[in-house]
Each structure stands twice: as C-alpha cells, then as structure tokens.
Amino acid sequence: MSIERFHTGPRMSQAVVHGDTVYLAGQVGEPGASVSAQTTKCLEQVDALLAECGSKKENILQAVIWLADMSDFAEMNAVWDAWVPQGHTPARACGEAKLATPDYKVEFIITAAK
C-alpha cells in the first residue's frame, strides 16, 4: 500500500496518507495570539490540509487536542463547537501539556478517513 506525504520537511510532514487514512501533524496557531485566534487558525489549517489530501472535516475519525492550560478549555470549545459538523463529531481527547513554546496555547492532532 502506498504512502503519500504532503509538505515534507527535514523533521516531519504536515500530512501523510496511507490507504484511506489521513494523518495530520500537530497544528498550531499564531504564537502569542489568544486561544480563540489560535484555535481558529488551527482549524483553518486542518480544513486546508484535509482538502489537499482528498478529505474533509466530516471525515475526521479522531481529534487529540493539547492545551497549554486547561483553564482555556471553554474558550477553545466555543470555537471547536462552531466549527465541528454536528452529526459528524469525531472521537476526541483533550489534555494539558507543555507545547513547543510558551506562546502556543493549543495544538490539534487529527486523523481522518479519505
């Protein structure tokens, strides 16, 4: 079975397609922006990458969300809830973690069907 990689750099690819499954690298927003703004940017990037890979948000199987601070959970969810298609919500986990820099507040890791 073939493997197709998108936006491949020396460390990682932004997306990998294996068979009918799309794996996205962790998506982050503009460093230092609000949680809402970073979440919006992440989800825009998810939409664009999924489209490039022949998928869409209705096909998301799993979302893993990391917040730098769980006190931002409601703010992130307000953006997520407006974006995620009702009736097509994926399996989801959300936890707190130190992200690559203190300026990142949220990161999304997505797996979708093609």
Protein backbone atom coordinates (compact mmCIF):
# COMPACT_ATOMS: atom_id res chain seq x y z
CA MET A 1 0.00 0.00 0.00
CA SER A 2 1.39 3.40 -0.92
CA ILE A 3 2.21 6.26 1.42
CA GLU A 4 1.78 9.85 0.23
CA ARG A 5 3.37 12.74 2.14
CA PHE A 6 2.46 16.43 1.96
CA HIS A 7 4.63 19.43 2.86
CA THR A 8 7.54 17.24 3.86
CA GLY A 9 10.47 18.85 5.64
CA PRO A 10 13.61 17.52 7.29
CA ARG A 11 11.76 16.70 10.54
CA MET A 12 8.18 15.90 9.57
CA SER A 13 5.38 16.03 7.03
CA GLN A 14 2.30 18.15 7.59
CA ALA A 15 0.10 15.30 6.34
CA VAL A 16 0.53 11.63 5.48
CA VAL A 17 -1.99 9.50 3.61
CA HIS A 18 -1.79 5.73 3.98
CA GLY A 19 -4.54 3.86 2.21
CA ASP A 20 -7.77 5.65 3.04
CA THR A 21 -6.49 7.26 6.25
CA VAL A 22 -5.16 10.81 6.58
CA TYR A 23 -2.83 11.70 9.46
CA LEU A 24 -2.14 15.36 10.16
CA ALA A 25 0.83 16.69 12.11
CA GLY A 26 0.03 18.81 15.14
CA GLN A 27 -1.46 22.12 14.00
CA VAL A 28 -0.76 25.29 15.94
CA GLY A 29 -1.85 28.89 15.51
CA GLU A 30 -0.07 32.22 15.58
CA PRO A 31 2.26 32.29 18.60
CA GLY A 32 1.10 34.72 21.26
CA ALA A 33 -2.43 35.09 19.87
CA SER A 34 -5.48 34.34 22.02
CA VAL A 35 -6.73 30.78 22.48
CA SER A 36 -9.72 31.60 20.24
CA ALA A 37 -7.49 33.01 17.49
CA GLN A 38 -5.06 30.09 17.70
CA THR A 39 -7.91 27.57 17.63
CA THR A 40 -9.46 29.28 14.60
CA LYS A 41 -6.11 29.21 12.76
CA CYS A 42 -5.54 25.56 13.65
CA LEU A 43 -8.93 24.56 12.31
CA GLU A 44 -8.42 26.57 9.12
CA GLN A 45 -5.17 24.67 8.60
CA VAL A 46 -6.94 21.37 9.29
CA ASP A 47 -9.58 22.22 6.66
CA ALA A 48 -6.91 23.13 4.08
CA LEU A 49 -4.76 20.05 4.69
CA LEU A 50 -7.72 17.68 4.66
CA ALA A 51 -8.92 19.18 1.36
CA GLU A 52 -5.44 18.81 -0.13
CA CYS A 53 -5.45 15.15 0.91
CA GLY A 54 -8.91 14.49 -0.55
CA SER A 55 -10.81 14.56 2.73
CA LYS A 56 -12.95 16.95 4.79
CA LYS A 57 -13.86 17.67 8.39
CA GLU A 58 -16.94 15.42 8.20
CA ASN A 59 -14.48 12.51 7.80
CA ILE A 60 -12.45 13.18 10.94
CA LEU A 61 -12.15 10.00 12.96
CA GLN A 62 -10.19 11.31 15.94
CA ALA A 63 -9.04 14.65 17.30
CA VAL A 64 -6.41 14.97 20.01
CA ILE A 65 -6.22 18.47 21.46
CA TRP A 66 -3.47 19.76 23.71
CA LEU A 67 -3.97 22.92 25.72
CA ALA A 68 -1.12 24.67 27.50
CA ASP A 69 -3.61 25.46 30.28
CA MET A 70 -6.90 23.62 30.88
CA SER A 71 -8.42 26.88 32.09
CA ASP A 72 -8.69 27.68 28.33
CA PHE A 73 -10.93 24.64 27.72
CA ALA A 74 -14.20 26.61 27.40
CA GLU A 75 -12.66 29.24 25.11
CA MET A 76 -11.22 26.56 22.79
CA ASN A 77 -14.50 24.60 22.85
CA ALA A 78 -16.52 27.67 21.80
CA VAL A 79 -14.52 27.78 18.54
CA TRP A 80 -14.47 24.00 18.12
CA ASP A 81 -18.24 23.67 18.67
CA ALA A 82 -18.96 26.28 15.98
CA TRP A 83 -16.62 24.51 13.54
CA VAL A 84 -17.24 20.78 14.02
CA PRO A 85 -20.16 19.43 11.93
CA GLN A 86 -22.95 18.20 14.17
CA GLY A 87 -23.74 14.55 13.48
CA HIS A 88 -20.10 14.04 12.39
CA THR A 89 -18.27 14.71 15.65
CA PRO A 90 -15.13 12.57 15.97
CA ALA A 91 -13.74 10.65 18.89
CA ARG A 92 -11.88 13.31 20.84
CA ALA A 93 -9.43 13.71 23.70
CA CYS A 94 -8.22 16.94 25.26
CA GLY A 95 -5.48 17.35 27.81
CA GLU A 96 -2.96 19.78 29.20
CA ALA A 97 0.67 19.72 28.07
CA LYS A 98 3.67 21.96 27.67
CA LEU A 99 3.72 22.88 24.00
CA ALA A 100 6.76 23.68 21.82
CA THR A 101 6.94 27.25 23.13
CA PRO A 102 5.02 29.12 25.83
CA ASP A 103 3.49 31.25 23.04
CA TYR A 104 1.46 28.28 21.79
CA LYS A 105 -1.78 27.76 23.68
CA VAL A 106 -3.40 24.94 21.70
CA GLU A 107 -2.42 22.16 19.29
CA PHE A 108 -4.68 19.88 17.24
CA ILE A 109 -3.71 16.40 16.01
CA ILE A 110 -6.19 14.96 13.51
CA THR A 111 -6.77 11.55 11.94
CA ALA A 112 -9.41 11.31 9.19
CA ALA A 113 -10.80 8.93 6.59
CA LYS A 114 -10.17 9.90 2.99
